[in-house]
Amino acid sequence: MQEYNDHIVSSFDDDIASIRRSIIKMATLVEEQYKLLHHIVDTGSASTVEDVLNNEPKLDAFDGKIRDQVITFITLRSPMAIDLREGLAALKISTDLERLGDYCKNVSLRIQALEEIPPAEIKNEILRMIVMVQGQLKKVIDAYVSKNKDKAIEVRNADAVIDNQYQVTYNHIIEDIRKNPSKLKTLTDTKLLFTIKTIERAGDHITNIAEEVYYAIVGETLSTPRPKGEPE
């Protein structure tokens, strides 16, 4: 009987480890996508846009694989509370990672379709937002790997910094529209407004992941409201 129980525990551990590896691989690919996005915004590289588009089906495949792994784990293993929490958290995390990939693709295509090159100041602020998202993504995956609830809370609270940068960039784009009300300039700036809103939403999905990591570790949801940036 002890040997049978040991086998069950080992199978549980193997299943959870396999799910975690899939999450980490998917997150690593999303990180790579945002590095490519940074290059696209910085240089306008059409070939890099193609790289982003080519990676998109891989993210979809990871999302499907993780879903299958978790469903199989729950169905066959009837896991206890802590293992069930981790499995359900993995489902939600993969969904958020998939959405982060969608946002990256959308921004890449929008940047490629700009009518004019953005002013240097605005471009640099958009790049700053992308760097913030990259940093948050790296930190939240570190929290997931190390099962560190304090790191997860830190990521959640830092979303306000991205919100603040969004507001600063938004104001500068609006001011650019006012100063240069030509048709092409307005079209370009309108696409940039959609761009920065998408990047800001990417930060929200990283915050979702942070909350899911916290729940998987602690078994409780964070009761305090999400910190938000101050509107200007």
C-alpha atoms as a PDB file:
ATOM      1  CA  MET A   1       0.000   0.000   0.000  1.00  0.00           C
ATOM      2  CA  GLN A   2       2.838   2.420   0.848  1.00  0.00           C
ATOM      3  CA  GLU A   3       4.429   1.748  -2.542  1.00  0.00           C
ATOM      4  CA  TYR A   4       1.084   2.507  -4.236  1.00  0.00           C
ATOM      5  CA  ASN A   5       0.719   5.773  -2.302  1.00  0.00           C
ATOM      6  CA  ASP A   6       4.263   6.778  -3.190  1.00  0.00           C
ATOM      7  CA  HIS A   7       3.451   6.115  -6.840  1.00  0.00           C
ATOM      8  CA  ILE A   8       0.363   8.356  -6.630  1.00  0.00           C
ATOM      9  CA  VAL A   9       2.352  11.177  -5.016  1.00  0.00           C
ATOM     10  CA  SER A  10       5.068  10.823  -7.650  1.00  0.00           C
ATOM     11  CA  SER A  11       2.468  10.980 -10.440  1.00  0.00           C
ATOM     12  CA  PHE A  12       0.959  14.116  -8.906  1.00  0.00           C
ATOM     13  CA  ASP A  13       4.379  15.738  -8.740  1.00  0.00           C
ATOM     14  CA  ASP A  14       5.203  14.775 -12.323  1.00  0.00           C
ATOM     15  CA  ASP A  15       1.921  16.180 -13.621  1.00  0.00           C
ATOM     16  CA  ILE A  16       2.293  19.483 -11.788  1.00  0.00           C
ATOM     17  CA  ALA A  17       5.924  19.787 -12.898  1.00  0.00           C
ATOM     18  CA  SER A  18       4.918  19.187 -16.515  1.00  0.00           C
ATOM     19  CA  ILE A  19       2.221  21.868 -16.333  1.00  0.00           C
ATOM     20  CA  ARG A  20       4.654  24.332 -14.774  1.00  0.00           C
ATOM     21  CA  ARG A  21       7.241  23.662 -17.504  1.00  0.00           C
ATOM     22  CA  SER A  22       4.635  24.394 -20.155  1.00  0.00           C
ATOM     23  CA  ILE A  23       3.667  27.658 -18.452  1.00  0.00           C
ATOM     24  CA  ILE A  24       7.315  28.723 -18.209  1.00  0.00           C
ATOM     25  CA  LYS A  25       7.980  27.914 -21.871  1.00  0.00           C
ATOM     26  CA  MET A  26       4.891  29.833 -22.937  1.00  0.00           C
ATOM     27  CA  ALA A  27       5.833  32.824 -20.789  1.00  0.00           C
ATOM     28  CA  THR A  28       9.367  32.793 -22.204  1.00  0.00           C
ATOM     29  CA  LEU A  29       7.931  32.998 -25.722  1.00  0.00           C
ATOM     30  CA  VAL A  30       5.682  35.894 -24.695  1.00  0.00           C
ATOM     31  CA  GLU A  31       8.745  37.672 -23.294  1.00  0.00           C
ATOM     32  CA  GLU A  32      10.459  37.178 -26.640  1.00  0.00           C
ATOM     33  CA  GLN A  33       7.409  38.622 -28.424  1.00  0.00           C
ATOM     34  CA  TYR A  34       7.639  41.831 -26.400  1.00  0.00           C
ATOM     35  CA  LYS A  35      11.351  42.125 -27.127  1.00  0.00           C
ATOM     36  CA  LEU A  36      10.479  41.889 -30.821  1.00  0.00           C
ATOM     37  CA  LEU A  37       7.728  44.479 -30.325  1.00  0.00           C
ATOM     38  CA  HIS A  38      10.235  46.872 -28.774  1.00  0.00           C
ATOM     39  CA  HIS A  39      12.401  46.489 -31.877  1.00  0.00           C
ATOM     40  CA  ILE A  40       9.410  47.090 -34.161  1.00  0.00           C
ATOM     41  CA  VAL A  41       8.431  50.316 -32.417  1.00  0.00           C
ATOM     42  CA  ASP A  42      12.060  51.458 -32.354  1.00  0.00           C
ATOM     43  CA  THR A  43      12.923  50.665 -35.979  1.00  0.00           C
ATOM     44  CA  GLY A  44       9.713  49.912 -37.880  1.00  0.00           C
ATOM     45  CA  SER A  45      11.219  46.595 -39.010  1.00  0.00           C
ATOM     46  CA  ALA A  46       8.779  44.718 -41.264  1.00  0.00           C
ATOM     47  CA  SER A  47      10.755  41.478 -40.949  1.00  0.00           C
ATOM     48  CA  THR A  48      10.390  41.626 -37.167  1.00  0.00           C
ATOM     49  CA  VAL A  49       6.624  41.970 -37.557  1.00  0.00           C
ATOM     50  CA  GLU A  50       6.742  38.707 -39.504  1.00  0.00           C
ATOM     51  CA  ASP A  51       8.652  37.101 -36.612  1.00  0.00           C
ATOM     52  CA  VAL A  52       5.874  38.142 -34.218  1.00  0.00           C
ATOM     53  CA  LEU A  53       3.195  36.764 -36.539  1.00  0.00           C
ATOM     54  CA  ASN A  54       5.071  33.476 -36.951  1.00  0.00           C
ATOM     55  CA  ASN A  55       5.249  33.005 -33.181  1.00  0.00           C
ATOM     56  CA  GLU A  56       1.521  33.580 -32.647  1.00  0.00           C
ATOM     57  CA  PRO A  57       0.431  30.006 -33.581  1.00  0.00           C
ATOM     58  CA  LYS A  58       3.028  28.655 -31.139  1.00  0.00           C
ATOM     59  CA  LEU A  59       1.380  30.574 -28.304  1.00  0.00           C
ATOM     60  CA  ASP A  60      -2.032  29.252 -29.312  1.00  0.00           C
ATOM     61  CA  ALA A  61      -0.587  25.724 -29.289  1.00  0.00           C
ATOM     62  CA  PHE A  62       0.848  26.224 -25.794  1.00  0.00           C
ATOM     63  CA  ASP A  63      -2.523  27.472 -24.558  1.00  0.00           C
ATOM     64  CA  GLY A  64      -4.246  24.370 -25.948  1.00  0.00           C
ATOM     65  CA  LYS A  65      -1.596  22.046 -24.545  1.00  0.00           C
ATOM     66  CA  ILE A  66      -1.815  23.520 -21.047  1.00  0.00           C
ATOM     67  CA  ARG A  67      -5.599  23.309 -21.125  1.00  0.00           C
ATOM     68  CA  ASP A  68      -5.376  19.622 -22.039  1.00  0.00           C
ATOM     69  CA  GLN A  69      -2.737  18.959 -19.366  1.00  0.00           C
ATOM     70  CA  VAL A  70      -4.824  20.571 -16.629  1.00  0.00           C
ATOM     71  CA  ILE A  71      -8.079  18.877 -17.655  1.00  0.00           C
ATOM     72  CA  THR A  72      -6.324  15.491 -17.761  1.00  0.00           C
ATOM     73  CA  PHE A  73      -4.708  16.139 -14.370  1.00  0.00           C
ATOM     74  CA  ILE A  74      -8.000  17.056 -12.714  1.00  0.00           C
ATOM     75  CA  THR A  75      -9.930  14.238 -14.359  1.00  0.00           C
ATOM     76  CA  LEU A  76      -7.465  11.424 -13.672  1.00  0.00           C
ATOM     77  CA  ARG A  77      -5.870  12.495 -10.396  1.00  0.00           C
ATOM     78  CA  SER A  78      -8.752  14.072  -8.422  1.00  0.00           C
ATOM     79  CA  PRO A  79      -6.197  16.414  -6.828  1.00  0.00           C
ATOM     80  CA  MET A  80      -6.389  17.808  -3.310  1.00  0.00           C
ATOM     81  CA  ALA A  81      -6.981  21.525  -2.719  1.00  0.00           C
ATOM     82  CA  ILE A  82      -3.440  22.865  -3.163  1.00  0.00           C
ATOM     83  CA  ASP A  83      -2.777  20.883  -6.353  1.00  0.00           C
ATOM     84  CA  LEU A  84      -6.215  21.755  -7.697  1.00  0.00           C
ATOM     85  CA  ARG A  85      -5.499  25.450  -7.086  1.00  0.00           C
ATOM     86  CA  GLU A  86      -2.255  25.242  -9.016  1.00  0.00           C
ATOM     87  CA  GLY A  87      -3.953  23.475 -11.901  1.00  0.00           C
ATOM     88  CA  LEU A  88      -6.767  26.009 -12.102  1.00  0.00           C
ATOM     89  CA  ALA A  89      -4.287  28.882 -11.799  1.00  0.00           C
ATOM     90  CA  ALA A  90      -2.300  27.433 -14.714  1.00  0.00           C
ATOM     91  CA  LEU A  91      -5.456  27.481 -16.856  1.00  0.00           C
ATOM     92  CA  LYS A  92      -6.018  31.161 -16.117  1.00  0.00           C
ATOM     93  CA  ILE A  93      -2.351  32.079 -16.510  1.00  0.00           C
ATOM     94  CA  SER A  94      -2.141  30.450 -19.936  1.00  0.00           C
ATOM     95  CA  THR A  95      -5.247  32.383 -21.012  1.00  0.00           C
ATOM     96  CA  ASP A  96      -3.663  35.657 -19.893  1.00  0.00           C
ATOM     97  CA  LEU A  97      -0.392  34.780 -21.627  1.00  0.00           C
ATOM     98  CA  GLU A  98      -2.288  34.002 -24.829  1.00  0.00           C
ATOM     99  CA  ARG A  99      -4.028  37.382 -24.605  1.00  0.00           C
ATOM    100  CA  LEU A 100      -0.670  39.095 -24.044  1.00  0.00           C
ATOM    101  CA  GLY A 101       0.493  37.493 -27.285  1.00  0.00           C
ATOM    102  CA  ASP A 102      -2.611  38.758 -29.090  1.00  0.00           C
ATOM    103  CA  TYR A 103      -1.946  42.276 -27.865  1.00  0.00           C
ATOM    104  CA  CYS A 104       1.650  42.095 -29.051  1.00  0.00           C
ATOM    105  CA  LYS A 105       0.517  41.002 -32.516  1.00  0.00           C
ATOM    106  CA  ASN A 106      -2.111  43.746 -32.688  1.00  0.00           C
ATOM    107  CA  VAL A 107       0.332  46.478 -31.718  1.00  0.00           C
ATOM    108  CA  SER A 108       2.921  45.198 -34.194  1.00  0.00           C
ATOM    109  CA  LEU A 109       0.436  45.383 -37.065  1.00  0.00           C
ATOM    110  CA  ARG A 110      -0.788  48.809 -35.958  1.00  0.00           C
ATOM    111  CA  ILE A 111       2.746  50.193 -35.851  1.00  0.00           C
ATOM    112  CA  GLN A 112       3.441  48.732 -39.284  1.00  0.00           C
ATOM    113  CA  ALA A 113       0.381  50.566 -40.659  1.00  0.00           C
ATOM    114  CA  LEU A 114       1.282  54.029 -39.329  1.00  0.00           C
ATOM    115  CA  GLU A 115       0.947  56.831 -41.880  1.00  0.00           C
ATOM    116  CA  GLU A 116       3.861  58.802 -40.403  1.00  0.00           C
ATOM    117  CA  ILE A 117       6.835  58.208 -38.132  1.00  0.00           C
ATOM    118  CA  PRO A 118       5.872  59.222 -34.562  1.00  0.00           C
ATOM    119  CA  PRO A 119       7.706  62.137 -32.939  1.00  0.00           C
ATOM    120  CA  ALA A 120      10.805  60.946 -31.077  1.00  0.00           C
ATOM    121  CA  GLU A 121       9.440  61.920 -27.669  1.00  0.00           C
ATOM    122  CA  ILE A 122       6.229  59.942 -28.148  1.00  0.00           C
ATOM    123  CA  LYS A 123       8.060  56.946 -29.609  1.00  0.00           C
ATOM    124  CA  ASN A 124      10.413  56.885 -26.620  1.00  0.00           C
ATOM    125  CA  GLU A 125       7.502  56.989 -24.205  1.00  0.00           C
ATOM    126  CA  ILE A 126       5.846  54.042 -25.963  1.00  0.00           C
ATOM    127  CA  LEU A 127       9.139  52.161 -25.778  1.00  0.00           C
ATOM    128  CA  ARG A 128       9.252  52.959 -22.070  1.00  0.00           C
ATOM    129  CA  MET A 129       5.801  51.425 -21.620  1.00  0.00           C
ATOM    130  CA  ILE A 130       6.908  48.259 -23.424  1.00  0.00           C
ATOM    131  CA  VAL A 131      10.004  47.998 -21.214  1.00  0.00           C
ATOM    132  CA  MET A 132       7.760  48.295 -18.153  1.00  0.00           C
ATOM    133  CA  VAL A 133       5.546  45.489 -19.428  1.00  0.00           C
ATOM    134  CA  GLN A 134       8.623  43.346 -20.124  1.00  0.00           C
ATOM    135  CA  GLY A 135       9.885  43.942 -16.594  1.00  0.00           C
ATOM    136  CA  GLN A 136       6.530  43.116 -15.033  1.00  0.00           C
ATOM    137  CA  LEU A 137       6.215  39.937 -17.082  1.00  0.00           C
ATOM    138  CA  LYS A 138       9.660  38.745 -16.029  1.00  0.00           C
ATOM    139  CA  LYS A 139       8.921  39.465 -12.360  1.00  0.00           C
ATOM    140  CA  VAL A 140       5.566  37.699 -12.354  1.00  0.00           C
ATOM    141  CA  ILE A 141       7.028  34.566 -13.919  1.00  0.00           C
ATOM    142  CA  ASP A 142       9.842  34.678 -11.342  1.00  0.00           C
ATOM    143  CA  ALA A 143       7.116  34.804  -8.661  1.00  0.00           C
ATOM    144  CA  TYR A 144       5.404  31.804 -10.278  1.00  0.00           C
ATOM    145  CA  VAL A 145       8.590  29.759 -10.507  1.00  0.00           C
ATOM    146  CA  SER A 146       9.740  30.552  -6.960  1.00  0.00           C
ATOM    147  CA  LYS A 147       6.202  30.416  -5.474  1.00  0.00           C
ATOM    148  CA  ASN A 148       6.852  33.809  -3.894  1.00  0.00           C
ATOM    149  CA  LYS A 149       3.641  35.534  -2.816  1.00  0.00           C
ATOM    150  CA  ASP A 150       5.461  38.759  -1.916  1.00  0.00           C
ATOM    151  CA  LYS A 151       6.827  39.074  -5.452  1.00  0.00           C
ATOM    152  CA  ALA A 152       3.329  38.488  -6.795  1.00  0.00           C
ATOM    153  CA  ILE A 153       1.988  41.324  -4.621  1.00  0.00           C
ATOM    154  CA  GLU A 154       4.868  43.551  -5.764  1.00  0.00           C
ATOM    155  CA  VAL A 155       3.945  42.973  -9.413  1.00  0.00           C
ATOM    156  CA  ARG A 156       0.279  43.654  -8.725  1.00  0.00           C
ATOM    157  CA  ASN A 157       1.050  46.943  -7.000  1.00  0.00           C
ATOM    158  CA  ALA A 158       3.480  48.074  -9.716  1.00  0.00           C
ATOM    159  CA  ASP A 159       0.734  48.106 -12.363  1.00  0.00           C
ATOM    160  CA  ALA A 160       0.023  51.683 -11.244  1.00  0.00           C
ATOM    161  CA  VAL A 161       3.399  52.700 -12.710  1.00  0.00           C
ATOM    162  CA  ILE A 162       2.315  51.490 -16.159  1.00  0.00           C
ATOM    163  CA  ASP A 163      -1.004  53.326 -15.715  1.00  0.00           C
ATOM    164  CA  ASN A 164       0.867  56.543 -14.936  1.00  0.00           C
ATOM    165  CA  GLN A 165       3.136  56.174 -17.966  1.00  0.00           C
ATOM    166  CA  TYR A 166       0.065  55.510 -20.116  1.00  0.00           C
ATOM    167  CA  GLN A 167      -1.490  58.778 -18.931  1.00  0.00           C
ATOM    168  CA  VAL A 168       1.687  60.740 -19.641  1.00  0.00           C
ATOM    169  CA  THR A 169       1.962  59.268 -23.146  1.00  0.00           C
ATOM    170  CA  TYR A 170      -1.754  59.779 -23.806  1.00  0.00           C
ATOM    171  CA  ASN A 171      -1.487  63.470 -22.919  1.00  0.00           C
ATOM    172  CA  HIS A 172       1.497  63.952 -25.236  1.00  0.00           C
ATOM    173  CA  ILE A 173      -0.290  62.289 -28.155  1.00  0.00           C
ATOM    174  CA  ILE A 174      -3.379  64.454 -27.614  1.00  0.00           C
ATOM    175  CA  GLU A 175      -1.161  67.534 -27.524  1.00  0.00           C
ATOM    176  CA  ASP A 176       0.490  66.437 -30.764  1.00  0.00           C
ATOM    177  CA  ILE A 177      -2.936  66.193 -32.398  1.00  0.00           C
ATOM    178  CA  ARG A 178      -3.781  69.717 -31.237  1.00  0.00           C
ATOM    179  CA  LYS A 179      -0.514  71.169 -32.485  1.00  0.00           C
ATOM    180  CA  ASN A 180      -0.515  69.330 -35.838  1.00  0.00           C
ATOM    181  CA  PRO A 181      -4.129  68.836 -36.956  1.00  0.00           C
ATOM    182  CA  SER A 182      -3.319  67.458 -40.419  1.00  0.00           C
ATOM    183  CA  LYS A 183      -5.217  64.416 -41.671  1.00  0.00           C
ATOM    184  CA  LEU A 184      -2.189  62.104 -41.765  1.00  0.00           C
ATOM    185  CA  LYS A 185      -0.970  63.267 -38.365  1.00  0.00           C
ATOM    186  CA  THR A 186      -4.408  62.691 -36.835  1.00  0.00           C
ATOM    187  CA  LEU A 187      -4.620  59.205 -38.350  1.00  0.00           C
ATOM    188  CA  THR A 188      -1.163  58.342 -37.014  1.00  0.00           C
ATOM    189  CA  ASP A 189      -1.846  59.695 -33.542  1.00  0.00           C
ATOM    190  CA  THR A 190      -5.204  57.921 -33.367  1.00  0.00           C
ATOM    191  CA  LYS A 191      -3.454  54.604 -34.042  1.00  0.00           C
ATOM    192  CA  LEU A 192      -0.898  55.478 -31.384  1.00  0.00           C
ATOM    193  CA  LEU A 193      -3.704  56.086 -28.871  1.00  0.00           C
ATOM    194  CA  PHE A 194      -5.037  52.589 -29.576  1.00  0.00           C
ATOM    195  CA  THR A 195      -1.473  51.275 -29.324  1.00  0.00           C
ATOM    196  CA  ILE A 196      -0.781  52.628 -25.850  1.00  0.00           C
ATOM    197  CA  LYS A 197      -4.197  51.507 -24.594  1.00  0.00           C
ATOM    198  CA  THR A 198      -3.403  47.970 -25.754  1.00  0.00           C
ATOM    199  CA  ILE A 199      -0.034  48.070 -23.998  1.00  0.00           C
ATOM    200  CA  GLU A 200      -1.720  49.340 -20.828  1.00  0.00           C
ATOM    201  CA  ARG A 201      -4.159  46.420 -21.034  1.00  0.00           C
ATOM    202  CA  ALA A 202      -1.191  44.067 -21.338  1.00  0.00           C
ATOM    203  CA  GLY A 203      -0.142  45.353 -17.933  1.00  0.00           C
ATOM    204  CA  ASP A 204      -3.607  44.511 -16.597  1.00  0.00           C
ATOM    205  CA  HIS A 205      -3.243  40.902 -17.775  1.00  0.00           C
ATOM    206  CA  ILE A 206       0.124  40.635 -16.043  1.00  0.00           C
ATOM    207  CA  THR A 207      -1.638  41.856 -12.901  1.00  0.00           C
ATOM    208  CA  ASN A 208      -4.180  39.066 -13.417  1.00  0.00           C
ATOM    209  CA  ILE A 209      -1.319  36.570 -13.493  1.00  0.00           C
ATOM    210  CA  ALA A 210       0.128  38.029 -10.282  1.00  0.00           C
ATOM    211  CA  GLU A 211      -3.228  37.556  -8.544  1.00  0.00           C
ATOM    212  CA  GLU A 212      -3.495  34.005  -9.868  1.00  0.00           C
ATOM    213  CA  VAL A 213       0.007  33.198  -8.600  1.00  0.00           C
ATOM    214  CA  TYR A 214      -0.899  34.595  -5.177  1.00  0.00           C
ATOM    215  CA  TYR A 215      -4.092  32.512  -5.070  1.00  0.00           C
ATOM    216  CA  ALA A 216      -2.242  29.339  -6.052  1.00  0.00           C
ATOM    217  CA  ILE A 217       0.273  29.867  -3.234  1.00  0.00           C
ATOM    218  CA  VAL A 218      -1.955  31.159  -0.434  1.00  0.00           C
ATOM    219  CA  GLY A 219      -5.378  29.757  -1.276  1.00  0.00           C
ATOM    220  CA  GLU A 220      -7.043  33.154  -0.909  1.00  0.00           C
ATOM    221  CA  THR A 221      -7.718  36.029  -3.267  1.00  0.00           C
ATOM    222  CA  LEU A 222      -6.256  39.454  -2.570  1.00  0.00           C
ATOM    223  CA  SER A 223      -9.023  41.484  -0.926  1.00  0.00           C
ATOM    224  CA  THR A 224      -7.576  44.972  -1.401  1.00  0.00           C
ATOM    225  CA  PRO A 225      -8.434  46.925  -4.584  1.00  0.00           C
ATOM    226  CA  ARG A 226      -5.848  47.010  -7.343  1.00  0.00           C
ATOM    227  CA  PRO A 227      -3.628  50.105  -7.127  1.00  0.00           C
ATOM    228  CA  LYS A 228      -4.273  52.456 -10.035  1.00  0.00           C
ATOM    229  CA  GLY A 229      -2.285  55.317 -11.492  1.00  0.00           C
ATOM    230  CA  GLU A 230      -3.299  58.865 -10.787  1.00  0.00           C
ATOM    231  CA  PRO A 231      -5.148  60.592 -13.663  1.00  0.00           C
ATOM    232  CA  GLU A 232      -3.615  63.880 -14.725  1.00  0.00           C
END
